[in-house]
Amino acid sequence: MQKLIDEIKKTSGDMARRGWAESNGGNISLRLNEEYHRYFDGIEPKSGWVNLPMEMPKISGERFLVTGTGRFLRNIELFPEKNIGVIEIDGKGGAYQLLWGYEPKGAPTSELPSHLLSHCQIKEKSGNGMFAFIHTHPNSIIALTYAVAALDTKNLTKLLWQSHAECIVVFPQGVEFLPWVMAGSMDLGIATAEAMSRRNLAVWQYHGICGCGRNLDEAFGRIDVAEKAADICLRVMAAGGAKQTLTDQQLREIAINFNCHVDLRLFDFKQNET
């Protein structure tokens, strides 16, 4: 159990210290793998079944470690049992019950639909190999959605790829851009899940970013690299704009060198070059 708690304490602490989790902003969920799942066998549930907005059979029977609604990520290190909880999904994927946490009482993040719907997609696309999903509020990513006109998935991805040479290696499928939708809504949850079926990062306009990975370190790392690229991009803009940048050919060479399977819908790379 302590190993599981230590994992989320590290990630939430890193997010808070980077200024990505102001007040109760940001949330984390981790689908429990076989090792962590059995920690909660035989535990008496702390709640009855709570209906989800829709049935999600792809995650029926799964257990998730989820940050709490209204809770501050920076406090997870101090009081994990108050700020995180473990929920279990029923056999149809239509309800959850609380197994542990949220002391003395509480509930999962209001972004739970985005998390669970996204977990359905990342579980399927990874062949049951991805378990982590993070939503957070990095300064530069958010600022970029204000500073650049007419953003979409293609130009946001290329902007980040060209700002930092590591980006095409860390997220070769690009970054999905989602125009503003009300936080906590099913519309946002559905749109985010659709994005996660194609990519491992999705930017919410004026709000933040979501990332997934095999574990919390991988999900956090993808977001961290995207945020650094956004910061570099904003600094270049503030200095008068780019006078030179990574070319398509150089991006292609990086992708080939690191054997990255670039999303061909974003760029006109030939299949044998990626």
C-alpha atoms as a PDB file:
ATOM      1  CA  MET A   1       0.000   0.000   0.000  1.00  0.00           C
ATOM      2  CA  GLN A   2       2.784   2.426   0.895  1.00  0.00           C
ATOM      3  CA  LYS A   3       4.409   1.903  -2.503  1.00  0.00           C
ATOM      4  CA  LEU A   4       1.198   3.026  -4.200  1.00  0.00           C
ATOM      5  CA  ILE A   5       0.855   6.079  -1.970  1.00  0.00           C
ATOM      6  CA  ASP A   6       4.510   7.022  -2.476  1.00  0.00           C
ATOM      7  CA  GLU A   7       4.021   6.974  -6.257  1.00  0.00           C
ATOM      8  CA  ILE A   8       1.198   9.515  -6.219  1.00  0.00           C
ATOM      9  CA  LYS A   9       2.891  11.614  -3.511  1.00  0.00           C
ATOM     10  CA  LYS A  10       5.912  12.051  -5.764  1.00  0.00           C
ATOM     11  CA  THR A  11       3.866  13.067  -8.805  1.00  0.00           C
ATOM     12  CA  SER A  12       1.490  15.397  -6.975  1.00  0.00           C
ATOM     13  CA  GLY A  13       4.410  17.033  -5.167  1.00  0.00           C
ATOM     14  CA  ASP A  14       6.260  17.633  -8.435  1.00  0.00           C
ATOM     15  CA  MET A  15       3.125  19.173  -9.967  1.00  0.00           C
ATOM     16  CA  ALA A  16       2.558  21.465  -6.996  1.00  0.00           C
ATOM     17  CA  ARG A  17       6.179  22.635  -6.843  1.00  0.00           C
ATOM     18  CA  ARG A  18       6.089  23.535 -10.543  1.00  0.00           C
ATOM     19  CA  GLY A  19       3.030  25.701  -9.953  1.00  0.00           C
ATOM     20  CA  TRP A  20       0.769  23.458 -12.025  1.00  0.00           C
ATOM     21  CA  ALA A  21      -1.760  22.795  -9.250  1.00  0.00           C
ATOM     22  CA  GLU A  22      -2.898  26.070  -7.769  1.00  0.00           C
ATOM     23  CA  SER A  23      -5.564  25.787  -5.055  1.00  0.00           C
ATOM     24  CA  ASN A  24      -7.541  22.632  -5.891  1.00  0.00           C
ATOM     25  CA  GLY A  25      -6.521  22.672  -9.555  1.00  0.00           C
ATOM     26  CA  GLY A  26      -5.386  19.530 -11.344  1.00  0.00           C
ATOM     27  CA  ASN A  27      -6.217  15.891 -10.749  1.00  0.00           C
ATOM     28  CA  ILE A  28      -4.634  12.463 -11.063  1.00  0.00           C
ATOM     29  CA  SER A  29      -5.959   8.964 -11.585  1.00  0.00           C
ATOM     30  CA  LEU A  30      -4.144   5.650 -11.688  1.00  0.00           C
ATOM     31  CA  ARG A  31      -5.816   2.421 -12.794  1.00  0.00           C
ATOM     32  CA  LEU A  32      -4.491  -0.179 -10.415  1.00  0.00           C
ATOM     33  CA  ASN A  33      -2.358  -2.891 -11.962  1.00  0.00           C
ATOM     34  CA  GLU A  34      -2.446  -6.469 -10.699  1.00  0.00           C
ATOM     35  CA  GLU A  35      -0.032  -5.741  -7.850  1.00  0.00           C
ATOM     36  CA  TYR A  36      -1.876  -2.684  -6.567  1.00  0.00           C
ATOM     37  CA  HIS A  37      -5.353  -4.073  -7.296  1.00  0.00           C
ATOM     38  CA  ARG A  38      -5.006  -6.861  -4.737  1.00  0.00           C
ATOM     39  CA  TYR A  39      -4.123  -4.424  -1.951  1.00  0.00           C
ATOM     40  CA  PHE A  40      -7.851  -3.759  -1.615  1.00  0.00           C
ATOM     41  CA  ASP A  41      -9.216  -7.291  -1.793  1.00  0.00           C
ATOM     42  CA  GLY A  42     -11.610  -7.985   1.056  1.00  0.00           C
ATOM     43  CA  ILE A  43     -11.887  -4.341   2.139  1.00  0.00           C
ATOM     44  CA  GLU A  44     -15.325  -3.275   3.371  1.00  0.00           C
ATOM     45  CA  PRO A  45     -16.580  -0.511   1.028  1.00  0.00           C
ATOM     46  CA  LYS A  46     -16.934   2.942   2.563  1.00  0.00           C
ATOM     47  CA  SER A  47     -19.891   3.916   0.380  1.00  0.00           C
ATOM     48  CA  GLY A  48     -22.774   2.517  -1.582  1.00  0.00           C
ATOM     49  CA  TRP A  49     -22.753   2.444  -5.357  1.00  0.00           C
ATOM     50  CA  VAL A  50     -22.679   5.864  -7.003  1.00  0.00           C
ATOM     51  CA  ASN A  51     -24.010   5.997 -10.554  1.00  0.00           C
ATOM     52  CA  LEU A  52     -21.733   7.213 -13.327  1.00  0.00           C
ATOM     53  CA  PRO A  53     -23.135   9.406 -16.148  1.00  0.00           C
ATOM     54  CA  MET A  54     -22.926   6.443 -18.529  1.00  0.00           C
ATOM     55  CA  GLU A  55     -21.877   2.805 -18.543  1.00  0.00           C
ATOM     56  CA  MET A  56     -18.207   2.143 -19.321  1.00  0.00           C
ATOM     57  CA  PRO A  57     -17.908  -1.638 -19.709  1.00  0.00           C
ATOM     58  CA  LYS A  58     -14.257  -1.425 -20.801  1.00  0.00           C
ATOM     59  CA  ILE A  59     -13.288  -0.640 -17.202  1.00  0.00           C
ATOM     60  CA  SER A  60     -15.842  -2.802 -15.366  1.00  0.00           C
ATOM     61  CA  GLY A  61     -14.379  -4.272 -12.198  1.00  0.00           C
ATOM     62  CA  GLU A  62     -11.342  -1.999 -12.288  1.00  0.00           C
ATOM     63  CA  ARG A  63     -10.022  -0.083  -9.288  1.00  0.00           C
ATOM     64  CA  PHE A  64      -8.624   3.446  -9.492  1.00  0.00           C
ATOM     65  CA  LEU A  65      -6.619   5.694  -7.221  1.00  0.00           C
ATOM     66  CA  VAL A  66      -8.149   9.160  -7.771  1.00  0.00           C
ATOM     67  CA  THR A  67      -7.527  12.585  -6.255  1.00  0.00           C
ATOM     68  CA  GLY A  68     -10.476  14.119  -4.418  1.00  0.00           C
ATOM     69  CA  THR A  69     -12.784  16.929  -5.421  1.00  0.00           C
ATOM     70  CA  GLY A  70     -11.901  20.217  -3.759  1.00  0.00           C
ATOM     71  CA  ARG A  71      -8.636  18.792  -2.422  1.00  0.00           C
ATOM     72  CA  PHE A  72      -5.217  20.414  -2.908  1.00  0.00           C
ATOM     73  CA  LEU A  73      -2.583  18.292  -4.643  1.00  0.00           C
ATOM     74  CA  ARG A  74       0.143  19.868  -2.516  1.00  0.00           C
ATOM     75  CA  ASN A  75      -1.473  18.311   0.578  1.00  0.00           C
ATOM     76  CA  ILE A  76      -1.286  14.729  -0.681  1.00  0.00           C
ATOM     77  CA  GLU A  77       2.269  14.443   0.626  1.00  0.00           C
ATOM     78  CA  LEU A  78       1.096  15.462   4.111  1.00  0.00           C
ATOM     79  CA  PHE A  79      -2.289  13.741   4.368  1.00  0.00           C
ATOM     80  CA  PRO A  80      -2.738  11.148   1.607  1.00  0.00           C
ATOM     81  CA  GLU A  81      -5.724   9.481   3.276  1.00  0.00           C
ATOM     82  CA  LYS A  82      -7.641  12.792   3.195  1.00  0.00           C
ATOM     83  CA  ASN A  83      -6.840  13.868  -0.347  1.00  0.00           C
ATOM     84  CA  ILE A  84      -6.897  10.677  -2.405  1.00  0.00           C
ATOM     85  CA  GLY A  85      -9.193   7.679  -2.565  1.00  0.00           C
ATOM     86  CA  VAL A  86      -9.545   4.282  -4.188  1.00  0.00           C
ATOM     87  CA  ILE A  87     -12.754   3.522  -6.049  1.00  0.00           C
ATOM     88  CA  GLU A  88     -14.007   0.305  -7.610  1.00  0.00           C
ATOM     89  CA  ILE A  89     -16.152   0.140 -10.755  1.00  0.00           C
ATOM     90  CA  ASP A  90     -19.064  -2.298 -10.769  1.00  0.00           C
ATOM     91  CA  GLY A  91     -19.463  -5.252 -13.120  1.00  0.00           C
ATOM     92  CA  LYS A  92     -21.312  -3.226 -15.759  1.00  0.00           C
ATOM     93  CA  GLY A  93     -19.095  -0.158 -15.645  1.00  0.00           C
ATOM     94  CA  GLY A  94     -22.019   2.016 -14.617  1.00  0.00           C
ATOM     95  CA  ALA A  95     -21.278   2.869 -10.968  1.00  0.00           C
ATOM     96  CA  TYR A  96     -18.465   3.103  -8.442  1.00  0.00           C
ATOM     97  CA  GLN A  97     -18.033   2.592  -4.733  1.00  0.00           C
ATOM     98  CA  LEU A  98     -15.380   3.998  -2.416  1.00  0.00           C
ATOM     99  CA  LEU A  99     -12.970   1.478  -0.913  1.00  0.00           C
ATOM    100  CA  TRP A 100     -10.457   3.736   0.833  1.00  0.00           C
ATOM    101  CA  GLY A 101      -9.614   7.401   1.426  1.00  0.00           C
ATOM    102  CA  TYR A 102     -11.224  10.871   1.282  1.00  0.00           C
ATOM    103  CA  GLU A 103     -11.183  11.072   5.087  1.00  0.00           C
ATOM    104  CA  PRO A 104     -13.366  11.991   6.872  1.00  0.00           C
ATOM    105  CA  LYS A 105     -15.639  12.136   3.831  1.00  0.00           C
ATOM    106  CA  GLY A 106     -15.355  13.219   0.230  1.00  0.00           C
ATOM    107  CA  ALA A 107     -15.631  12.192  -3.398  1.00  0.00           C
ATOM    108  CA  PRO A 108     -13.468  11.824  -6.520  1.00  0.00           C
ATOM    109  CA  THR A 109     -12.490  14.800  -8.655  1.00  0.00           C
ATOM    110  CA  SER A 110     -15.242  16.568 -10.597  1.00  0.00           C
ATOM    111  CA  GLU A 111     -13.282  15.625 -13.733  1.00  0.00           C
ATOM    112  CA  LEU A 112     -13.970  11.939 -13.068  1.00  0.00           C
ATOM    113  CA  PRO A 113     -15.866  11.498 -16.402  1.00  0.00           C
ATOM    114  CA  SER A 114     -12.816  12.729 -18.345  1.00  0.00           C
ATOM    115  CA  HIS A 115     -10.578  10.388 -16.391  1.00  0.00           C
ATOM    116  CA  LEU A 116     -12.678   7.240 -16.623  1.00  0.00           C
ATOM    117  CA  LEU A 117     -13.669   7.711 -20.254  1.00  0.00           C
ATOM    118  CA  SER A 118     -10.011   8.338 -21.106  1.00  0.00           C
ATOM    119  CA  HIS A 119      -8.955   5.236 -19.185  1.00  0.00           C
ATOM    120  CA  CYS A 120     -11.335   3.219 -21.370  1.00  0.00           C
ATOM    121  CA  GLN A 121      -9.448   4.430 -24.441  1.00  0.00           C
ATOM    122  CA  ILE A 122      -5.901   4.185 -23.134  1.00  0.00           C
ATOM    123  CA  LYS A 123      -6.494   0.701 -21.750  1.00  0.00           C
ATOM    124  CA  GLU A 124      -7.703  -0.460 -25.148  1.00  0.00           C
ATOM    125  CA  LYS A 125      -5.126   1.306 -27.325  1.00  0.00           C
ATOM    126  CA  SER A 126      -2.205   0.136 -25.170  1.00  0.00           C
ATOM    127  CA  GLY A 127      -3.305  -3.483 -24.893  1.00  0.00           C
ATOM    128  CA  ASN A 128      -3.781  -3.018 -21.153  1.00  0.00           C
ATOM    129  CA  GLY A 129      -0.349  -1.448 -20.831  1.00  0.00           C
ATOM    130  CA  MET A 130      -1.199   2.141 -19.802  1.00  0.00           C
ATOM    131  CA  PHE A 131      -2.510   2.934 -16.329  1.00  0.00           C
ATOM    132  CA  ALA A 132      -1.946   6.653 -15.595  1.00  0.00           C
ATOM    133  CA  PHE A 133      -3.877   9.802 -16.491  1.00  0.00           C
ATOM    134  CA  ILE A 134      -3.045  13.345 -15.343  1.00  0.00           C
ATOM    135  CA  HIS A 135      -4.824  16.649 -15.806  1.00  0.00           C
ATOM    136  CA  THR A 136      -2.947  19.776 -14.729  1.00  0.00           C
ATOM    137  CA  HIS A 137      -2.531  23.517 -15.330  1.00  0.00           C
ATOM    138  CA  PRO A 138       0.970  24.345 -16.629  1.00  0.00           C
ATOM    139  CA  ASN A 139       1.501  28.087 -17.037  1.00  0.00           C
ATOM    140  CA  SER A 140       3.109  28.153 -20.467  1.00  0.00           C
ATOM    141  CA  ILE A 141       0.758  25.664 -22.123  1.00  0.00           C
ATOM    142  CA  ILE A 142      -2.227  27.729 -20.971  1.00  0.00           C
ATOM    143  CA  ALA A 143      -0.566  31.013 -22.014  1.00  0.00           C
ATOM    144  CA  LEU A 144       0.124  29.602 -25.464  1.00  0.00           C
ATOM    145  CA  THR A 145      -3.603  29.033 -26.045  1.00  0.00           C
ATOM    146  CA  TYR A 146      -4.133  32.770 -25.528  1.00  0.00           C
ATOM    147  CA  ALA A 147      -1.076  33.980 -27.425  1.00  0.00           C
ATOM    148  CA  VAL A 148      -1.467  32.065 -30.698  1.00  0.00           C
ATOM    149  CA  ALA A 149      -4.446  32.677 -32.958  1.00  0.00           C
ATOM    150  CA  ALA A 150      -6.358  29.894 -34.714  1.00  0.00           C
ATOM    151  CA  LEU A 151      -4.727  27.015 -32.873  1.00  0.00           C
ATOM    152  CA  ASP A 152      -5.572  23.497 -33.929  1.00  0.00           C
ATOM    153  CA  THR A 153      -4.008  20.086 -33.400  1.00  0.00           C
ATOM    154  CA  LYS A 154      -1.686  20.340 -36.384  1.00  0.00           C
ATOM    155  CA  ASN A 155      -0.224  23.771 -35.769  1.00  0.00           C
ATOM    156  CA  LEU A 156       0.018  23.343 -31.984  1.00  0.00           C
ATOM    157  CA  THR A 157       1.910  20.087 -32.463  1.00  0.00           C
ATOM    158  CA  LYS A 158       4.297  21.571 -34.994  1.00  0.00           C
ATOM    159  CA  LEU A 159       4.849  24.655 -32.821  1.00  0.00           C
ATOM    160  CA  LEU A 160       5.912  22.444 -29.895  1.00  0.00           C
ATOM    161  CA  TRP A 161       7.944  20.039 -32.024  1.00  0.00           C
ATOM    162  CA  GLN A 162       9.880  22.937 -33.545  1.00  0.00           C
ATOM    163  CA  SER A 163      10.440  24.629 -30.172  1.00  0.00           C
ATOM    164  CA  HIS A 164      12.302  21.725 -28.577  1.00  0.00           C
ATOM    165  CA  ALA A 165      14.009  18.853 -30.385  1.00  0.00           C
ATOM    166  CA  GLU A 166      13.001  16.286 -27.752  1.00  0.00           C
ATOM    167  CA  CYS A 167       9.280  16.764 -28.372  1.00  0.00           C
ATOM    168  CA  ILE A 168       8.891  14.630 -31.480  1.00  0.00           C
ATOM    169  CA  VAL A 169      10.539  11.767 -29.563  1.00  0.00           C
ATOM    170  CA  VAL A 170       8.411  12.128 -26.427  1.00  0.00           C
ATOM    171  CA  PHE A 171       5.060  12.631 -28.185  1.00  0.00           C
ATOM    172  CA  PRO A 172       5.438  11.538 -31.833  1.00  0.00           C
ATOM    173  CA  GLN A 173       1.653  11.268 -32.242  1.00  0.00           C
ATOM    174  CA  GLY A 174       1.370  14.981 -31.501  1.00  0.00           C
ATOM    175  CA  VAL A 175      -0.804  16.965 -29.104  1.00  0.00           C
ATOM    176  CA  GLU A 176      -4.572  17.128 -29.544  1.00  0.00           C
ATOM    177  CA  PHE A 177      -6.029  20.637 -29.275  1.00  0.00           C
ATOM    178  CA  LEU A 178      -9.517  20.848 -27.748  1.00  0.00           C
ATOM    179  CA  PRO A 179     -11.344  24.192 -28.062  1.00  0.00           C
ATOM    180  CA  TRP A 180     -12.855  25.441 -24.825  1.00  0.00           C
ATOM    181  CA  VAL A 181     -15.556  23.271 -23.255  1.00  0.00           C
ATOM    182  CA  MET A 182     -17.005  23.605 -19.755  1.00  0.00           C
ATOM    183  CA  ALA A 183     -14.824  21.884 -17.159  1.00  0.00           C
ATOM    184  CA  GLY A 184     -16.314  18.787 -15.566  1.00  0.00           C
ATOM    185  CA  SER A 185     -18.845  18.290 -18.345  1.00  0.00           C
ATOM    186  CA  MET A 186     -19.602  15.074 -20.203  1.00  0.00           C
ATOM    187  CA  ASP A 187     -18.872  16.932 -23.446  1.00  0.00           C
ATOM    188  CA  LEU A 188     -15.321  17.571 -22.265  1.00  0.00           C
ATOM    189  CA  GLY A 189     -14.987  14.024 -20.979  1.00  0.00           C
ATOM    190  CA  ILE A 190     -16.049  12.552 -24.322  1.00  0.00           C
ATOM    191  CA  ALA A 191     -13.824  14.902 -26.331  1.00  0.00           C
ATOM    192  CA  THR A 192     -10.823  14.128 -24.118  1.00  0.00           C
ATOM    193  CA  ALA A 193     -11.368  10.382 -24.389  1.00  0.00           C
ATOM    194  CA  GLU A 194     -11.558  10.649 -28.171  1.00  0.00           C
ATOM    195  CA  ALA A 195      -8.281  12.585 -28.123  1.00  0.00           C
ATOM    196  CA  MET A 196      -6.656   9.931 -25.923  1.00  0.00           C
ATOM    197  CA  SER A 197      -7.616   7.252 -28.462  1.00  0.00           C
ATOM    198  CA  ARG A 198      -5.299   9.013 -30.952  1.00  0.00           C
ATOM    199  CA  ARG A 199      -2.602  10.672 -28.857  1.00  0.00           C
ATOM    200  CA  ASN A 200      -1.058  10.729 -25.394  1.00  0.00           C
ATOM    201  CA  LEU A 201      -1.501  14.482 -24.771  1.00  0.00           C
ATOM    202  CA  ALA A 202      -4.494  16.799 -25.116  1.00  0.00           C
ATOM    203  CA  VAL A 203      -4.566  20.548 -24.450  1.00  0.00           C
ATOM    204  CA  TRP A 204      -7.767  22.116 -23.114  1.00  0.00           C
ATOM    205  CA  GLN A 205      -7.939  25.680 -24.447  1.00  0.00           C
ATOM    206  CA  TYR A 206      -7.500  28.336 -21.704  1.00  0.00           C
ATOM    207  CA  HIS A 207      -7.452  25.581 -19.067  1.00  0.00           C
ATOM    208  CA  GLY A 208      -4.610  23.051 -19.100  1.00  0.00           C
ATOM    209  CA  ILE A 209      -3.392  19.739 -20.433  1.00  0.00           C
ATOM    210  CA  CYS A 210      -4.048  16.021 -20.019  1.00  0.00           C
ATOM    211  CA  GLY A 211      -1.510  13.260 -20.441  1.00  0.00           C
ATOM    212  CA  CYS A 212      -1.462   9.485 -20.170  1.00  0.00           C
ATOM    213  CA  GLY A 213       1.236   6.874 -19.810  1.00  0.00           C
ATOM    214  CA  ARG A 214       2.215   3.438 -18.580  1.00  0.00           C
ATOM    215  CA  ASN A 215       2.738   4.963 -15.148  1.00  0.00           C
ATOM    216  CA  LEU A 216       2.635   8.369 -13.501  1.00  0.00           C
ATOM    217  CA  ASP A 217       6.279   9.108 -14.328  1.00  0.00           C
ATOM    218  CA  GLU A 218       5.668   8.617 -18.047  1.00  0.00           C
ATOM    219  CA  ALA A 219       2.458  10.667 -18.086  1.00  0.00           C
ATOM    220  CA  PHE A 220       4.119  13.449 -16.067  1.00  0.00           C
ATOM    221  CA  GLY A 221       7.213  13.379 -18.288  1.00  0.00           C
ATOM    222  CA  ARG A 222       5.206  13.932 -21.458  1.00  0.00           C
ATOM    223  CA  ILE A 223       3.459  16.927 -19.931  1.00  0.00           C
ATOM    224  CA  ASP A 224       6.749  18.287 -18.586  1.00  0.00           C
ATOM    225  CA  VAL A 225       8.399  18.195 -22.018  1.00  0.00           C
ATOM    226  CA  ALA A 226       5.381  19.848 -23.677  1.00  0.00           C
ATOM    227  CA  GLU A 227       5.371  22.565 -21.016  1.00  0.00           C
ATOM    228  CA  LYS A 228       9.094  23.268 -21.497  1.00  0.00           C
ATOM    229  CA  ALA A 229       8.561  23.549 -25.263  1.00  0.00           C
ATOM    230  CA  ALA A 230       5.663  25.971 -24.707  1.00  0.00           C
ATOM    231  CA  ASP A 231       7.861  28.058 -22.390  1.00  0.00           C
ATOM    232  CA  ILE A 232      10.622  28.183 -25.006  1.00  0.00           C
ATOM    233  CA  CYS A 233       8.086  29.153 -27.660  1.00  0.00           C
ATOM    234  CA  LEU A 234       6.734  32.033 -25.556  1.00  0.00           C
ATOM    235  CA  ARG A 235      10.264  33.290 -24.811  1.00  0.00           C
ATOM    236  CA  VAL A 236      11.076  33.289 -28.521  1.00  0.00           C
ATOM    237  CA  MET A 237       7.849  35.183 -29.265  1.00  0.00           C
ATOM    238  CA  ALA A 238       8.701  37.729 -26.544  1.00  0.00           C
ATOM    239  CA  ALA A 239      12.160  38.180 -28.087  1.00  0.00           C
ATOM    240  CA  GLY A 240      10.660  39.174 -31.413  1.00  0.00           C
ATOM    241  CA  GLY A 241       9.796  35.835 -32.954  1.00  0.00           C
ATOM    242  CA  ALA A 242      11.799  32.955 -34.379  1.00  0.00           C
ATOM    243  CA  LYS A 243      14.571  33.839 -36.795  1.00  0.00           C
ATOM    244  CA  GLN A 244      15.275  30.158 -37.429  1.00  0.00           C
ATOM    245  CA  THR A 245      13.705  26.898 -36.338  1.00  0.00           C
ATOM    246  CA  LEU A 246      13.840  23.153 -36.757  1.00  0.00           C
ATOM    247  CA  THR A 247      12.882  22.331 -40.318  1.00  0.00           C
ATOM    248  CA  ASP A 248      10.588  19.543 -41.470  1.00  0.00           C
ATOM    249  CA  GLN A 249      13.664  17.689 -42.709  1.00  0.00           C
ATOM    250  CA  GLN A 250      15.376  17.952 -39.330  1.00  0.00           C
ATOM    251  CA  LEU A 251      12.221  16.760 -37.559  1.00  0.00           C
ATOM    252  CA  ARG A 252      12.098  13.862 -40.005  1.00  0.00           C
ATOM    253  CA  GLU A 253      15.714  12.975 -39.240  1.00  0.00           C
ATOM    254  CA  ILE A 254      15.074  13.010 -35.486  1.00  0.00           C
ATOM    255  CA  ALA A 255      12.052  10.745 -35.942  1.00  0.00           C
ATOM    256  CA  ILE A 256      14.065   8.291 -38.039  1.00  0.00           C
ATOM    257  CA  ASN A 257      17.015   8.333 -35.648  1.00  0.00           C
ATOM    258  CA  PHE A 258      14.845   7.482 -32.634  1.00  0.00           C
ATOM    259  CA  ASN A 259      12.525   5.153 -34.560  1.00  0.00           C
ATOM    260  CA  CYS A 260       9.478   7.297 -33.790  1.00  0.00           C
ATOM    261  CA  HIS A 261       6.209   6.492 -35.503  1.00  0.00           C
ATOM    262  CA  VAL A 262       5.026   9.994 -36.320  1.00  0.00           C
ATOM    263  CA  ASP A 263       1.325  10.572 -36.914  1.00  0.00           C
ATOM    264  CA  LEU A 264       1.221  10.916 -40.688  1.00  0.00           C
ATOM    265  CA  ARG A 265      -2.039  12.879 -40.487  1.00  0.00           C
ATOM    266  CA  LEU A 266      -0.122  15.775 -38.948  1.00  0.00           C
ATOM    267  CA  PHE A 267       2.769  15.905 -41.391  1.00  0.00           C
ATOM    268  CA  ASP A 268       3.483  14.678 -44.866  1.00  0.00           C
ATOM    269  CA  PHE A 269       6.180  12.284 -43.786  1.00  0.00           C
ATOM    270  CA  LYS A 270       6.421   9.221 -45.978  1.00  0.00           C
ATOM    271  CA  GLN A 271       5.792   5.951 -44.189  1.00  0.00           C
ATOM    272  CA  ASN A 272       9.281   4.610 -44.942  1.00  0.00           C
ATOM    273  CA  GLU A 273      10.805   7.738 -43.432  1.00  0.00           C
ATOM    274  CA  THR A 274       9.158   7.350 -40.035  1.00  0.00           C
END
